Amino acid sequence: MSPEEFFMYLTIGLIVLVPIGARLYRWTTLRRTQEMLRDQFGQQRGPDQRP
């Protein structure tokens, strides 16, 4: 494999892998944030409610 081919494949791989990685990272952090917010607001709301 020549250096030109190596850098061509590297560039194509990065163009494809970086956006996929960014979307996966956003998706996982969004899920984690939503779970933390649900836990936090669920705990705060629980004691305030009276039967």
Protein backbone atom coordinates (compact mmCIF):
# COMPACT_ATOMS: atom_id res chain seq x y z
CA MET A 1 0.00 0.00 0.00
CA SER A 2 1.42 3.32 -1.02
CA PRO A 3 1.40 6.37 1.25
CA GLU A 4 -1.16 8.01 -1.04
CA GLU A 5 -3.55 5.08 -0.63
CA PHE A 6 -3.00 5.02 3.12
CA PHE A 7 -3.86 8.68 3.54
CA MET A 8 -6.80 8.38 1.16
CA TYR A 9 -8.29 5.53 3.20
CA LEU A 10 -7.49 7.34 6.43
CA THR A 11 -9.26 10.48 5.20
CA ILE A 12 -12.31 8.55 4.01
CA GLY A 13 -12.41 6.62 7.28
CA LEU A 14 -12.25 9.77 9.35
CA ILE A 15 -14.92 11.46 7.26
CA VAL A 16 -17.22 8.51 7.94
CA LEU A 17 -16.22 7.57 11.50
CA VAL A 18 -16.05 10.98 13.15
CA PRO A 19 -19.71 11.95 12.48
CA ILE A 20 -20.89 8.48 13.53
CA GLY A 21 -18.84 8.72 16.72
CA ALA A 22 -20.19 12.20 17.44
CA ARG A 23 -23.78 11.02 17.01
CA LEU A 24 -23.21 8.05 19.29
CA TYR A 25 -21.61 10.29 21.92
CA ARG A 26 -24.51 12.77 21.74
CA TRP A 27 -27.03 9.94 21.96
CA THR A 28 -25.41 8.35 25.03
CA THR A 29 -24.94 11.66 26.85
CA LEU A 30 -28.54 12.64 26.06
CA ARG A 31 -29.79 9.35 27.52
CA ARG A 32 -27.60 9.75 30.60
CA THR A 33 -28.75 13.35 31.10
CA GLN A 34 -32.40 12.40 30.73
CA GLU A 35 -32.02 9.62 33.30
CA MET A 36 -30.30 11.98 35.76
CA LEU A 37 -33.03 14.59 35.31
CA ARG A 38 -35.76 12.01 35.77
CA ASP A 39 -34.09 10.74 38.94
CA GLN A 40 -33.52 14.24 40.30
CA PHE A 41 -37.00 15.55 39.61
CA GLY A 42 -38.61 12.27 40.62
CA GLN A 43 -36.90 12.41 44.02
CA GLN A 44 -37.78 16.09 44.51
CA ARG A 45 -41.40 15.56 43.51
CA GLY A 46 -41.89 12.43 45.65
CA PRO A 47 -41.72 13.94 49.19
CA ASP A 48 -43.78 16.99 48.17
CA GLN A 49 -46.78 14.91 47.18
CA ARG A 50 -49.11 13.92 49.99
CA PRO A 51 -51.61 11.07 49.73
